């Protein structure tokens, strides 16, 4: 089972020294991947389902991962996830291709449609359009990355007579979310799915999943402490990678990373 680390672009560990130290520690302990979370703004005052208080430090995931790319050599880098409808797809496509180049092909783009209406409104995006925008933006970015002569005409984005380089060499796209639309989006427009939950949660989600391509990869943010039996239970469900968020478990981040390193082999 591959094991990754999630969410350390948030909070007290998001500064440059701690980011470098923890990323290098995770790499030395055999962790496969490093995932960065995304919120451009948060509701103030906090309202459900906001995940954090409005003064929480959240470093932009692409800026964070560019820094991690520079101080590591083997960690796979991923967004877990970028809220896609809030991003300009052409600008994001350029950022992704650039990060793919600078990281030596280690980048995975995790995307989701988002769930915080106040955040969407603040950045000028209709909450009701978020799913349609997510589908369209993925298709538009695919054109910029892969088409010999990129062109796209949609409801939310249109372009022709332009090109963008570098082209990414090895970017994988994964889709997060637990709705039927997210499941459909993952198998039709991506190469993997990023889920959150206990083994029972994931069992229920996968029971509702459409048929998956043979190379499709499932990554899950584990919501219970890892033990050999828990890892085996996820593995039996077809999960390829477990991602841990150290602050949700007992102990310091260092202790959690070292304790769970036994599962990285």
Protein backbone atom coordinates (compact mmCIF):
# COMPACT_ATOMS: atom_id res chain seq x y z
CA UNK A 1 0.00 0.00 0.00
CA UNK A 2 1.31 3.46 -0.89
CA UNK A 3 1.06 6.02 1.91
CA UNK A 4 0.89 9.78 1.48
CA UNK A 5 0.68 12.91 3.61
CA UNK A 6 -2.02 15.56 3.33
CA UNK A 7 -2.79 19.10 4.40
CA UNK A 8 0.50 20.41 5.79
CA UNK A 9 0.13 23.60 3.76
CA UNK A 10 -2.35 24.56 6.51
CA UNK A 11 -1.73 25.98 9.96
CA UNK A 12 1.42 26.14 12.06
CA UNK A 13 3.41 23.86 9.76
CA UNK A 14 2.94 25.91 6.58
CA UNK A 15 6.03 28.13 6.89
CA UNK A 16 9.14 27.54 4.76
CA UNK A 17 11.37 25.93 7.37
CA UNK A 18 8.73 23.49 8.65
CA UNK A 19 7.55 22.70 5.13
CA UNK A 20 11.06 21.83 4.03
CA UNK A 21 11.82 19.82 7.16
CA UNK A 22 8.60 17.82 7.15
CA UNK A 23 8.61 17.15 3.42
CA UNK A 24 12.18 15.88 3.59
CA UNK A 25 11.31 13.79 6.65
CA UNK A 26 8.34 12.23 4.85
CA UNK A 27 10.50 11.50 1.83
CA UNK A 28 13.23 9.89 3.95
CA UNK A 29 10.64 7.72 5.72
CA UNK A 30 9.36 6.32 2.44
CA UNK A 31 6.09 8.20 2.00
CA UNK A 32 4.98 8.19 -1.62
CA UNK A 33 3.12 11.46 -1.93
CA UNK A 34 2.51 14.92 -0.49
CA UNK A 35 -0.96 16.45 -0.98
CA UNK A 36 -1.85 20.14 -0.56
CA UNK A 37 -5.34 21.47 0.20
CA UNK A 38 -7.13 24.49 -1.23
CA UNK A 39 -9.34 27.31 -0.02
CA UNK A 40 -8.92 30.79 -1.47
CA UNK A 41 -11.10 32.40 1.20
CA UNK A 42 -13.16 31.11 4.12
CA UNK A 43 -16.50 32.32 5.52
CA UNK A 44 -16.10 34.87 8.32
CA UNK A 45 -17.50 34.21 10.85
CA UNK A 46 -17.18 30.47 10.38
CA UNK A 47 -20.32 28.65 9.29
CA UNK A 48 -20.88 24.99 8.53
CA UNK A 49 -19.58 23.24 6.49
CA UNK A 50 -16.44 25.40 6.50
CA UNK A 51 -13.48 23.23 7.59
CA UNK A 52 -11.55 25.96 9.42
CA UNK A 53 -11.78 29.26 11.23
CA UNK A 54 -11.46 32.28 8.90
CA UNK A 55 -8.00 33.18 10.24
CA UNK A 56 -6.55 29.75 9.42
CA UNK A 57 -3.32 29.93 7.43
CA UNK A 58 -3.82 28.12 4.11
CA UNK A 59 -0.92 28.48 1.67
CA UNK A 60 -1.94 28.29 -2.00
CA UNK A 61 -1.44 24.63 -2.96
CA UNK A 62 0.41 25.27 -6.22
CA UNK A 63 2.83 27.73 -4.62
CA UNK A 64 3.32 25.29 -1.73
CA UNK A 65 3.96 22.33 -4.02
CA UNK A 66 6.44 24.28 -6.14
CA UNK A 67 8.42 24.88 -2.95
CA UNK A 68 8.18 21.20 -1.94
CA UNK A 69 9.31 20.19 -5.44
CA UNK A 70 12.47 22.23 -4.98
CA UNK A 71 13.41 20.63 -1.65
CA UNK A 72 12.59 16.98 -2.47
CA UNK A 73 13.43 14.59 -5.27
CA UNK A 74 11.14 11.54 -5.04
CA UNK A 75 7.88 12.62 -3.37
CA UNK A 76 4.92 12.64 -5.71
CA UNK A 77 3.17 16.02 -5.44
CA UNK A 78 -0.59 16.43 -5.60
CA UNK A 79 -3.40 18.87 -4.94
CA UNK A 80 -5.94 17.35 -2.65
CA UNK A 81 -7.90 19.09 -4.01
CA UNK A 82 -7.97 22.32 -6.06
CA UNK A 83 -11.46 23.82 -6.21
CA UNK A 84 -11.53 23.93 -9.99
CA UNK A 85 -14.50 26.21 -10.79
CA UNK A 86 -12.79 29.01 -8.82
CA UNK A 87 -9.72 28.91 -11.07
CA UNK A 88 -9.24 30.29 -14.57
CA UNK A 89 -8.64 27.06 -16.53
CA UNK A 90 -6.06 28.53 -18.91
CA UNK A 91 -4.03 30.03 -16.06
CA UNK A 92 -4.30 26.79 -14.07
CA UNK A 93 -3.27 24.73 -17.10
CA UNK A 94 -0.12 26.84 -17.41
CA UNK A 95 0.62 26.53 -13.68
CA UNK A 96 0.15 22.76 -13.79
CA UNK A 97 2.38 22.33 -16.85
CA UNK A 98 5.03 24.51 -15.23
CA UNK A 99 4.93 22.55 -11.98
CA UNK A 100 5.09 19.29 -13.92
CA UNK A 101 8.25 20.54 -15.65
CA UNK A 102 9.95 21.89 -12.52
CA UNK A 103 9.15 18.79 -10.45
CA UNK A 104 10.45 16.38 -13.08
CA UNK A 105 7.01 14.92 -13.80
CA UNK A 106 6.01 14.31 -10.19
CA UNK A 107 2.73 16.26 -10.17
CA UNK A 108 -0.86 15.01 -9.92
CA UNK A 109 -3.73 17.48 -10.27
CA UNK A 110 -6.54 16.67 -7.85
CA UNK A 111 -9.70 18.69 -8.48
CA UNK A 112 -13.16 19.05 -7.03
CA UNK A 113 -16.26 21.12 -7.62
CA UNK A 114 -16.24 22.71 -4.16
CA UNK A 115 -18.87 22.93 -1.46
CA UNK A 116 -18.62 26.37 0.24
CA UNK A 117 -21.15 28.77 -1.27
CA UNK A 118 -19.67 31.90 0.42
CA UNK A 119 -16.26 31.11 -1.06
CA UNK A 120 -17.70 30.67 -4.56
CA UNK A 121 -19.65 33.91 -4.31
CA UNK A 122 -16.60 35.83 -3.10
CA UNK A 123 -14.56 34.82 -6.16
CA UNK A 124 -17.44 35.57 -8.52
CA UNK A 125 -18.54 32.05 -9.44
CA UNK A 126 -22.12 30.82 -9.32
CA UNK A 127 -22.46 28.01 -6.80
CA UNK A 128 -25.10 26.39 -9.00
CA UNK A 129 -22.74 26.28 -12.00
CA UNK A 130 -19.84 24.65 -10.19
CA UNK A 131 -20.34 21.13 -11.57
CA UNK A 132 -20.78 22.26 -15.17
CA UNK A 133 -17.75 24.52 -14.88
CA UNK A 134 -15.65 21.70 -13.47
CA UNK A 135 -16.47 19.43 -16.43
CA UNK A 136 -15.87 22.19 -18.95
CA UNK A 137 -12.63 23.40 -17.38
CA UNK A 138 -11.20 19.88 -17.39
CA UNK A 139 -11.99 19.54 -21.09
CA UNK A 140 -10.50 22.97 -21.86
CA UNK A 141 -7.27 22.19 -19.98
CA UNK A 142 -6.98 18.86 -21.76
CA UNK A 143 -7.07 20.75 -25.06
CA UNK A 144 -4.23 23.05 -23.99
CA UNK A 145 -2.14 20.14 -22.77
CA UNK A 146 -2.63 17.66 -25.59
CA UNK A 147 -4.21 19.05 -28.78
CA UNK A 148 -1.86 19.92 -31.68
CA UNK A 149 -3.87 23.10 -32.26
CA UNK A 150 -5.73 23.88 -29.02
CA UNK A 151 -9.26 25.21 -29.37
CA UNK A 152 -12.35 25.05 -27.21
CA UNK A 153 -15.84 26.53 -27.34
CA UNK A 154 -18.00 26.20 -24.25
CA UNK A 155 -20.46 28.07 -22.10
CA UNK A 156 -17.83 29.28 -19.62
CA UNK A 157 -14.58 29.30 -21.59
CA UNK A 158 -13.71 29.64 -25.26
CA UNK A 159 -10.43 30.02 -27.10
CA UNK A 160 -8.77 29.35 -30.45
CA UNK A 161 -5.71 30.52 -32.32
CA UNK A 162 -3.54 30.21 -29.20
CA UNK A 163 -1.04 27.74 -27.82
CA UNK A 164 0.71 27.20 -24.49
CA UNK A 165 4.03 25.63 -23.62
CA UNK A 166 5.49 23.79 -21.83
CA UNK A 167 3.18 20.89 -22.42
CA UNK A 168 3.00 18.58 -19.38
CA UNK A 169 4.83 15.30 -19.73
CA UNK A 170 3.11 13.17 -17.15
CA UNK A 171 0.29 14.98 -15.34
CA UNK A 172 -2.38 12.74 -13.90
CA UNK A 173 -5.80 14.12 -12.97
CA UNK A 174 -7.82 12.78 -10.05
CA UNK A 175 -11.28 13.92 -8.99
CA UNK A 176 -12.42 14.29 -5.40
CA UNK A 177 -15.95 14.10 -4.07
CA UNK A 178 -18.64 11.62 -3.09
CA UNK A 179 -21.53 12.59 -5.36
CA UNK A 180 -22.69 10.69 -8.46
CA UNK A 181 -21.40 13.61 -10.54
CA UNK A 182 -17.96 13.34 -8.96
CA UNK A 183 -17.84 9.59 -9.61
CA UNK A 184 -18.87 10.10 -13.25
CA UNK A 185 -16.35 12.92 -13.67
CA UNK A 186 -13.56 10.76 -12.24
CA UNK A 187 -14.04 7.87 -14.66
CA UNK A 188 -14.76 9.98 -17.76
CA UNK A 189 -12.31 12.86 -17.37
CA UNK A 190 -9.58 11.67 -15.00
CA UNK A 191 -7.27 8.82 -14.12
CA UNK A 192 -8.23 8.45 -10.49
CA UNK A 193 -10.49 9.31 -7.56
CA UNK A 194 -9.64 10.94 -4.23
CA UNK A 195 -12.02 9.96 -1.45
CA UNK A 196 -12.34 10.61 2.27
CA UNK A 197 -13.61 8.16 4.83
CA UNK A 198 -13.39 5.09 7.00
CA UNK A 199 -13.27 1.67 5.35
CA UNK A 200 -17.06 1.44 5.74
CA UNK A 201 -17.49 4.87 4.13
CA UNK A 202 -15.30 3.92 1.18
CA UNK A 203 -17.08 0.58 0.79
CA UNK A 204 -20.36 2.45 0.40
CA UNK A 205 -18.91 4.99 -2.06
CA UNK A 206 -17.30 2.34 -4.24
CA UNK A 207 -20.55 0.37 -4.35
CA UNK A 208 -22.06 3.36 -6.17
CA UNK A 209 -19.10 3.89 -8.48
CA UNK A 210 -19.44 3.29 -12.23
CA UNK A 211 -17.13 0.84 -13.98
CA UNK A 212 -13.53 1.98 -13.71
CA UNK A 213 -10.79 1.78 -16.35
CA UNK A 214 -8.05 -0.74 -15.69
CA UNK A 215 -5.41 1.92 -14.93
CA UNK A 216 -7.72 3.89 -12.63
CA UNK A 217 -6.17 4.73 -9.25
CA UNK A 218 -8.01 5.18 -5.94
CA UNK A 219 -6.51 7.38 -3.22
CA UNK A 220 -8.25 7.80 0.13
CA UNK A 221 -7.78 10.19 3.03
CA UNK A 222 -7.87 7.76 5.94
CA UNK A 223 -10.17 8.80 8.77
CA UNK A 224 -9.06 6.20 11.31
CA UNK A 225 -5.62 5.47 12.78
CA UNK A 226 -3.64 3.08 10.63
CA UNK A 227 -3.00 -0.45 11.83
CA UNK A 228 -2.05 -3.50 9.81
CA UNK A 229 -5.67 -4.68 9.81
CA UNK A 230 -7.04 -1.25 8.84
CA UNK A 231 -4.57 -0.95 5.96
CA UNK A 232 -5.54 -4.44 4.81
CA UNK A 233 -9.22 -3.52 4.95
CA UNK A 234 -8.69 -0.50 2.71
CA UNK A 235 -6.50 -2.58 0.41
CA UNK A 236 -9.17 -5.26 0.09
CA UNK A 237 -11.55 -2.56 -1.12
CA UNK A 238 -9.21 -1.76 -4.00
CA UNK A 239 -7.63 1.35 -2.51
CA UNK A 240 -4.21 2.02 -4.04
CA UNK A 241 -3.03 4.73 -1.68
CA UNK A 242 -3.88 5.95 1.81
CA UNK A 243 -3.26 9.59 2.68
CA UNK A 244 -2.96 10.71 6.30
CA UNK A 245 -3.55 14.15 7.78
CA UNK A 246 -1.18 14.11 10.78
CA UNK A 247 -2.94 16.76 12.93
CA UNK A 248 -6.05 14.57 13.22
CA UNK A 249 -4.10 11.77 14.97
CA UNK A 250 -2.50 11.64 18.42
CA UNK A 251 1.02 13.05 18.72
CA UNK A 252 3.10 15.65 16.97
CA UNK A 253 3.38 15.64 13.19
CA UNK A 254 6.83 14.11 13.48
CA UNK A 255 5.53 11.35 15.75
CA UNK A 256 2.62 10.57 13.46
CA UNK A 257 4.88 10.42 10.40
CA UNK A 258 7.37 8.13 12.12
CA UNK A 259 4.66 5.91 13.61
CA UNK A 260 2.95 5.35 10.26
CA UNK A 261 6.16 4.90 8.29
CA UNK A 262 5.92 1.16 8.95
CA UNK A 263 3.10 1.00 6.41
CA UNK A 264 5.07 2.67 3.60
CA UNK A 265 7.06 -0.42 2.65
